Protein backbone atom coordinates (compact mmCIF):
# COMPACT_ATOMS: atom_id res chain seq x y z
CA MET A 1 97.55 184.87 109.56
CA LEU A 2 94.69 186.55 111.44
CA GLU A 3 91.26 184.98 111.84
CA GLY A 4 88.18 186.05 113.79
CA ARG A 5 89.08 186.82 117.38
CA PRO A 6 87.26 184.87 120.10
CA LYS A 7 85.71 187.06 122.77
CA VAL A 8 87.90 186.24 125.72
CA ASN A 9 89.40 187.83 128.78
CA THR A 10 93.12 187.18 129.13
CA ASP A 11 95.56 188.39 131.76
CA LEU A 12 99.29 187.89 131.13
CA THR A 13 102.62 189.36 132.08
CA GLY A 14 105.56 190.27 129.85
CA THR A 15 107.64 193.13 128.54
CA VAL A 16 107.00 195.90 126.03
CA ARG A 17 109.50 198.07 124.18
CA MET A 18 109.66 200.41 121.24
CA MET A 19 110.81 198.87 117.99
CA GLY A 20 114.59 199.22 117.66
CA GLU A 21 115.06 200.24 121.29
CA ALA A 22 115.89 197.04 123.19
CA GLU A 23 117.04 198.96 126.27
CA SER A 24 113.60 200.56 126.63
CA ALA A 25 111.85 197.29 127.58
CA ILE A 26 109.72 197.46 130.75
CA ARG A 27 107.73 194.80 132.58
CA VAL A 28 103.97 195.07 132.18
CA GLU A 29 100.69 193.35 132.91
CA ILE A 30 98.87 192.56 129.69
CA HIS A 31 95.08 192.59 129.83
CA LEU A 32 92.92 191.61 126.85
CA GLU A 33 89.28 192.18 127.68
CA ASP A 34 86.15 193.30 125.86
CA GLU A 35 87.96 193.64 122.50
CA GLU A 36 90.52 195.93 124.13
CA LEU A 37 94.24 195.72 124.91
CA ARG A 38 95.40 197.33 128.16
CA LEU A 39 99.02 197.59 129.34
CA VAL A 40 99.83 198.32 133.00
CA SER A 41 103.29 198.87 134.52
CA VAL A 42 104.31 199.34 138.14
CA HIS A 43 103.90 203.08 137.57
CA GLY A 44 100.32 202.79 136.35
CA GLU A 45 98.39 202.23 133.14
CA LEU A 46 100.41 202.80 129.97
CA GLY A 47 97.39 202.83 127.72
CA ARG A 48 94.39 200.98 126.32
CA TRP A 49 93.44 200.50 122.69
CA PRO A 50 90.63 198.74 120.80
CA LEU A 51 91.91 195.57 119.14
CA SER A 52 90.33 196.69 115.89
CA ASP A 53 92.81 199.61 115.79
CA ILE A 54 95.89 197.44 116.32
CA GLY A 55 97.95 195.85 113.58
CA VAL A 56 99.77 192.76 114.78
CA ALA A 57 102.46 190.45 113.42
CA ALA A 58 104.07 187.51 115.22
CA LYS A 59 107.83 187.53 114.66
CA LEU A 60 110.83 185.75 116.13
CA ASP A 61 111.56 188.53 118.66
CA GLY A 62 107.96 188.87 119.83
CA PHE A 63 104.61 190.32 118.76
CA HIS A 64 104.92 193.52 116.77
CA LEU A 65 101.94 195.78 117.36
CA ARG A 66 101.28 198.86 115.24
CA ILE A 67 99.52 201.33 117.54
CA GLU A 68 98.87 204.99 116.77
CA GLY A 69 101.63 205.12 114.18
CA GLU A 70 104.24 203.50 116.44
CA GLU A 71 105.49 199.93 116.54
CA LEU A 72 105.68 198.16 119.90
CA VAL A 73 107.29 194.77 120.52
CA ILE A 74 105.64 192.65 123.20
CA SER A 75 106.98 189.45 124.76
CA THR A 76 104.65 187.46 127.05
CA ASN A 77 104.73 184.60 129.50
CA ASP A 78 102.20 182.70 127.34
CA ASP A 79 102.66 183.48 123.66
CA ALA A 80 100.03 180.96 122.54
CA ARG A 81 97.31 182.47 124.72
CA PHE A 82 98.18 185.99 123.60
CA ALA A 83 98.16 184.96 119.94
CA ILE A 84 94.80 183.22 120.21
CA ALA A 85 93.29 186.20 122.00
CA LEU A 86 94.43 188.41 119.11
CA GLY A 87 93.00 185.99 116.55
CA ILE A 88 96.36 184.63 115.32
CA ARG A 89 96.05 181.01 114.23
CA SER A 90 99.40 180.59 112.45
CA SER A 91 102.61 182.51 111.90
CA SER A 92 106.00 182.35 110.21
CA SER A 93 107.54 181.28 113.54
CA PRO A 94 107.79 177.47 113.89
CA ARG A 95 108.00 177.88 117.66
CA LEU A 96 104.76 179.85 117.85
CA ASN A 97 103.04 177.39 115.53
CA ARG A 98 103.99 174.54 117.89
CA LEU A 99 102.68 176.52 120.86
CA LEU A 100 99.42 177.24 119.05
CA ALA A 101 98.97 173.58 118.18
CA GLY A 102 99.55 172.61 121.80
CA ALA A 103 97.11 175.26 123.00
CA ARG A 104 94.43 174.01 120.64
CA ASP A 105 94.97 170.49 121.95
CA ASP A 106 94.97 171.45 125.61
CA GLY A 107 93.16 174.69 126.20
CA VAL A 108 90.88 175.79 123.34
CA ASP A 109 87.50 174.30 122.49
CA VAL A 110 85.83 174.20 119.07
CA GLU A 111 84.26 177.63 119.65
CA GLY A 112 87.61 179.25 120.28
CA ARG A 113 87.16 179.75 124.02
CA MET A 114 90.24 179.31 126.17
CA ALA A 115 90.56 177.53 129.48
CA PRO A 116 91.67 179.74 132.40
CA ALA A 117 95.39 180.31 132.51
CA ALA A 118 97.31 178.69 135.32
CA PRO A 119 99.15 181.20 137.50
CA ILE A 120 102.75 181.71 136.44
CA VAL A 121 105.22 181.41 139.30
CA PRO A 122 108.74 182.69 138.59
CA VAL A 123 111.33 179.97 139.06
CA GLU A 124 113.37 182.05 141.50
CA TYR A 125 110.36 182.38 143.82
CA ALA A 126 108.97 178.85 143.51
CA ALA A 127 110.98 177.46 146.42
CA SER A 128 110.07 180.34 148.72
CA LEU A 129 106.34 179.99 147.90
CA ALA A 130 106.30 176.27 148.66
CA PRO A 131 105.09 175.61 152.21
CA ALA A 132 107.99 174.61 154.43
CA PRO A 133 107.53 171.54 156.61
CA PRO A 134 107.16 172.35 160.30
CA GLU A 135 110.48 172.36 162.11
CA ASN A 136 110.83 169.75 164.85
CA VAL A 137 112.92 171.48 167.52
CA THR A 138 111.83 169.31 170.44
CA PRO A 139 114.86 166.93 170.46
CA VAL A 140 117.33 169.82 170.29
CA ALA A 141 115.46 171.85 172.90
CA MET A 142 115.31 168.89 175.31
CA GLY A 143 119.02 168.26 174.82
CA LEU A 144 119.77 171.93 175.51
CA LEU A 145 117.59 171.84 178.60
CA THR A 146 119.61 168.86 179.81
CA ALA A 147 122.82 170.80 179.14
CA GLY A 148 121.51 173.70 181.23
CA VAL A 149 120.67 171.37 184.10
CA ILE A 150 124.20 169.93 184.02
CA GLN A 151 125.67 173.43 184.05
CA ALA A 152 123.45 174.39 186.98
CA LEU A 153 124.53 171.26 188.84
CA GLY A 154 128.12 172.41 188.60
CA GLY A 155 127.22 175.78 190.11
CA VAL A 156 125.13 174.26 192.89
CA ILE A 157 127.87 171.79 193.84
CA ALA A 158 130.45 174.61 193.91
CA LEU A 159 128.16 176.75 196.06
CA ALA A 160 127.45 173.89 198.47
CA SER A 161 131.18 173.12 198.72
CA ASN A 162 132.00 176.75 199.49
CA SER A 163 134.26 176.77 196.44
CA THR A 164 136.76 179.61 196.35
CA LEU A 165 137.61 179.10 192.68
CA ARG A 166 137.61 182.41 190.83
CA ILE A 167 137.76 183.30 187.16
CA VAL A 168 141.14 184.93 186.54
CA ASP A 169 141.29 185.55 190.29
CA LEU A 170 138.51 188.13 189.93
CA VAL A 171 135.00 186.64 189.78
CA PRO A 172 133.72 183.57 191.66
CA ALA A 173 133.11 180.72 189.23
CA TRP A 174 129.96 179.23 190.68
CA PRO A 175 127.64 182.23 189.94
CA ALA A 176 128.87 182.21 186.35
CA TRP A 177 127.84 178.54 185.98
CA ILE A 178 124.38 179.41 187.30
CA ILE A 179 124.05 182.36 184.89
CA ALA A 180 125.14 180.21 181.95
CA ALA A 181 122.70 177.47 182.95
CA VAL A 182 119.74 179.84 183.30
CA THR A 183 120.50 181.42 179.91
CA VAL A 184 120.79 178.07 178.10
CA ALA A 185 117.63 176.73 179.75
CA SER A 186 115.72 179.91 178.86
CA GLY A 187 116.79 179.48 175.24
CA ALA A 188 115.63 175.86 175.30
CA PHE A 189 112.19 176.84 176.64
CA ALA A 190 111.97 179.59 173.98
CA LEU A 191 112.67 177.01 171.26
CA LEU A 192 109.97 174.70 172.63
CA SER A 193 107.52 177.64 172.65
CA ARG A 194 108.50 178.68 169.08
CA LEU A 195 109.64 182.07 170.36
CA ARG A 196 112.22 184.18 168.59
CA GLY A 197 115.65 184.52 170.07
CA GLY A 198 115.82 181.05 171.59
CA ARG A 199 118.97 180.08 169.73
CA ASN A 200 120.55 183.44 170.54
CA LEU A 201 119.98 182.81 174.24
CA VAL A 202 121.52 179.36 173.96
CA ALA A 203 124.54 180.82 172.18
CA ALA A 204 124.94 183.47 174.89
CA GLY A 205 124.74 180.83 177.63
CA ALA A 206 127.30 178.66 175.84
CA ILE A 207 129.66 181.63 175.52
CA VAL A 208 129.34 182.45 179.25
CA GLY A 209 130.02 178.80 180.02
CA LEU A 210 133.10 178.68 177.80
CA VAL A 211 134.52 181.84 179.39
CA THR A 212 133.87 180.37 182.84
CA LEU A 213 135.47 177.08 181.86
CA ALA A 214 138.55 178.77 180.43
CA GLY A 215 138.90 181.01 183.48
CA SER A 216 138.42 178.09 185.86
CA LEU A 217 141.06 175.98 184.16
CA MET A 218 143.60 178.71 184.88
CA GLY A 219 143.36 177.64 188.53
CA VAL A 220 143.93 173.96 187.86
CA THR A 221 147.42 174.16 189.39
CA GLU A 222 146.15 175.51 192.68
CA PRO A 223 146.26 173.00 195.59
CA THR A 224 142.60 173.59 196.43
CA PHE A 225 141.38 173.00 192.85
CA SER A 226 138.81 170.21 192.46
CA TRP A 227 137.06 169.18 189.26
CA ILE A 228 133.92 168.20 191.14
CA SER A 229 133.65 170.42 194.22
CA ASP A 230 134.57 173.52 192.18
CA GLY A 231 131.86 172.66 189.66
CA VAL A 232 134.25 172.54 186.72
CA LEU A 233 133.41 168.97 185.65
CA PHE A 234 129.64 169.43 185.44
CA GLY A 235 129.73 173.07 184.34
CA GLY A 236 132.21 172.29 181.57
CA ALA A 237 130.32 169.18 180.44
CA GLY A 238 127.04 171.11 180.20
CA THR A 239 128.71 173.92 178.28
CA ILE A 240 130.32 171.56 175.76
CA LEU A 241 127.02 169.71 175.29
CA ALA A 242 125.14 172.98 174.66
CA GLY A 243 127.75 174.11 172.13
CA LEU A 244 127.67 170.80 170.26
CA LEU A 245 123.87 170.72 170.08
CA LEU A 246 123.73 174.31 168.89
CA SER A 247 126.36 173.62 166.20
CA VAL A 248 124.54 170.51 164.91
CA ASP A 249 121.21 172.40 164.88
CA THR A 250 122.79 175.26 162.92
CA LEU A 251 124.25 172.86 160.34
CA ASN A 252 120.93 171.05 159.89
CA ARG A 253 119.05 174.32 159.42
CA GLY A 254 121.59 175.47 156.82
CA ARG A 255 121.03 172.45 154.58
């Protein structure tokens, strides 16, 4: 049943389709303002019509609007607000009647004016719109910085001991420990400074350290091999610590 329409401005979203053509439904913005209905899609305005020229009926599948000899079916994100704006106070749909009763209780005064609509946030975007708590990376970064220092200690000890240990008999091990340490420490400082790429640097340093450790262990059977003077003990310990911290940080960020 239609009654006198209150003079209101209403902005909604929904879909519109031609009667009998369910596959033709498109998403639209629905604007009711100054006794006029205006439909806007992503491609532009679909049309605007005076409310006095529109026949409307609230049915189970949506609002059926008779416009210029054609019948459109509109579904909205707030059926009660749309119905009130069109002057509908009751319908054959029990669901719509319940919505109208709730709207009258919560959002419509005795003169028929409606309270402003709350913004509708799609469920799938609600989590992404919520502000994320600031990430506390200081403990991880300090631990990674410690790992880099331990790696560097291995390289310095090997250099001071004139270590001849080589990776696969090709590359001296002690420079590789220094490179791994500098890379891990740089990643730790980047994390503390909230710079991009910090974790990637740490991962690169851990990989260099693991390669150095694996190559160094191939010389464990040599008579001159020493866990301490060749830097393997400290370099390996720093590498393992960096890898563990990076793995734990990755798991925590994924939860």
